[in-house]
């Protein structure tokens, strides 16, 4: 089979066979390459769409609004269990849509953009 590269993406293992003409140094350079400005913009747009497509995420964004909410207020008003709430909060924080200020969750500037796109 030759050399292979195993990648884990969205809980899926991807096996890529590496052609013999690609050296280890070339492969390492490809893996370390940062996305182009266009690629980063496309990825950012896809993440925003992913945030807005999910009904629980939309409800959380609307509930937090411009003033913010505590975790308990958010849990009660959105009506989800602790695990779902934590999962969605992690998604928002990693995407730089949400920040924690003391006991309050507040939307970042990016989060406010999401809020402005929810009818």
Protein backbone atom coordinates (compact mmCIF):
# COMPACT_ATOMS: atom_id res chain seq x y z
CA UNK A 1 0.00 0.00 0.00
CA UNK A 2 2.92 2.41 0.55
CA UNK A 3 2.73 5.47 2.77
CA UNK A 4 -0.62 6.60 4.07
CA UNK A 5 -1.84 9.59 6.04
CA UNK A 6 -4.64 9.13 8.54
CA UNK A 7 -6.78 12.16 9.32
CA UNK A 8 -9.60 12.44 11.80
CA UNK A 9 -12.34 14.83 10.70
CA UNK A 10 -15.79 15.04 12.27
CA UNK A 11 -15.29 11.63 13.96
CA UNK A 12 -14.45 10.04 10.60
CA UNK A 13 -11.07 8.51 9.80
CA UNK A 14 -9.84 9.52 6.37
CA UNK A 15 -7.07 7.42 4.78
CA UNK A 16 -4.98 9.18 2.14
CA UNK A 17 -2.40 7.29 0.13
CA UNK A 18 0.73 9.41 -0.33
CA UNK A 19 2.31 9.19 -3.79
CA UNK A 20 6.01 8.20 -3.69
CA UNK A 21 7.06 11.43 -5.45
CA UNK A 22 5.99 13.49 -2.41
CA UNK A 23 8.81 13.65 0.12
CA UNK A 24 8.33 13.71 3.87
CA UNK A 25 9.42 17.37 3.89
CA UNK A 26 6.86 18.26 1.20
CA UNK A 27 4.14 16.42 3.11
CA UNK A 28 5.02 18.22 6.34
CA UNK A 29 4.93 21.59 4.54
CA UNK A 30 1.49 20.79 3.13
CA UNK A 31 0.15 19.83 6.55
CA UNK A 32 1.54 22.97 8.21
CA UNK A 33 0.20 25.32 5.53
CA UNK A 34 -2.22 27.88 6.82
CA UNK A 35 -5.47 28.47 4.90
CA UNK A 36 -5.52 31.25 2.35
CA UNK A 37 -7.58 34.33 3.07
CA UNK A 38 -10.31 33.02 0.77
CA UNK A 39 -10.31 29.57 2.41
CA UNK A 40 -10.52 31.15 5.87
CA UNK A 41 -13.45 33.33 4.76
CA UNK A 42 -15.29 30.31 3.31
CA UNK A 43 -14.70 28.34 6.53
CA UNK A 44 -15.91 31.29 8.61
CA UNK A 45 -19.06 31.60 6.51
CA UNK A 46 -19.73 27.85 6.82
CA UNK A 47 -19.40 28.08 10.61
CA UNK A 48 -21.87 30.97 10.74
CA UNK A 49 -24.35 29.00 8.64
CA UNK A 50 -23.88 26.00 10.94
CA UNK A 51 -24.61 28.22 13.94
CA UNK A 52 -27.75 29.68 12.38
CA UNK A 53 -29.14 26.39 11.01
CA UNK A 54 -29.53 24.76 14.42
CA UNK A 55 -32.81 25.68 16.18
CA UNK A 56 -31.36 25.40 19.70
CA UNK A 57 -28.43 27.63 18.75
CA UNK A 58 -30.79 30.23 17.26
CA UNK A 59 -32.88 30.19 20.42
CA UNK A 60 -29.77 30.54 22.59
CA UNK A 61 -28.51 33.51 20.56
CA UNK A 62 -31.89 35.24 20.80
CA UNK A 63 -32.14 34.49 24.52
CA UNK A 64 -28.67 35.83 25.30
CA UNK A 65 -29.41 38.90 23.19
CA UNK A 66 -27.48 42.11 23.72
CA UNK A 67 -27.62 42.03 27.52
CA UNK A 68 -26.40 38.48 28.24
CA UNK A 69 -27.68 35.76 30.53
CA UNK A 70 -26.38 33.53 33.31
CA UNK A 71 -26.06 29.82 32.65
CA UNK A 72 -29.09 29.03 34.81
CA UNK A 73 -31.23 31.66 33.06
CA UNK A 74 -30.12 30.35 29.69
CA UNK A 75 -30.83 26.73 30.63
CA UNK A 76 -34.29 27.59 31.93
CA UNK A 77 -35.32 29.88 29.06
CA UNK A 78 -33.98 27.69 26.25
CA UNK A 79 -35.34 24.52 27.86
CA UNK A 80 -32.44 22.14 27.24
CA UNK A 81 -30.55 19.78 29.52
CA UNK A 82 -27.10 20.51 30.94
CA UNK A 83 -25.22 18.38 28.39
CA UNK A 84 -26.89 20.05 25.38
CA UNK A 85 -26.36 23.50 26.86
CA UNK A 86 -22.66 22.84 27.53
CA UNK A 87 -22.15 21.45 24.02
CA UNK A 88 -23.72 24.52 22.41
CA UNK A 89 -21.86 26.92 24.71
CA UNK A 90 -18.56 25.24 23.72
CA UNK A 91 -19.49 25.60 20.04
CA UNK A 92 -20.18 29.32 20.48
CA UNK A 93 -17.02 29.98 22.50
CA UNK A 94 -14.78 28.11 20.04
CA UNK A 95 -16.36 30.04 17.17
CA UNK A 96 -15.76 33.31 19.03
CA UNK A 97 -19.49 34.07 19.15
CA UNK A 98 -19.80 33.97 22.95
CA UNK A 99 -17.70 35.13 25.88
CA UNK A 100 -17.94 34.59 29.61
CA UNK A 101 -17.92 37.66 31.87
CA UNK A 102 -18.13 36.52 35.49
CA UNK A 103 -21.36 34.52 35.71
CA UNK A 104 -22.79 35.97 32.50
CA UNK A 105 -22.61 34.76 28.94
CA UNK A 106 -22.44 37.60 26.43
CA UNK A 107 -22.36 37.65 22.65
CA UNK A 108 -19.15 38.89 21.07
CA UNK A 109 -19.25 41.20 18.04
CA UNK A 110 -19.41 38.06 15.87
CA UNK A 111 -22.27 36.77 18.03
CA UNK A 112 -24.13 40.04 17.58
CA UNK A 113 -23.81 39.57 13.81
CA UNK A 114 -25.52 36.20 14.22
CA UNK A 115 -28.24 37.82 16.33
CA UNK A 116 -28.86 40.42 13.64
CA UNK A 117 -29.45 37.62 11.10
CA UNK A 118 -32.18 35.86 13.08
CA UNK A 119 -35.73 37.03 12.28
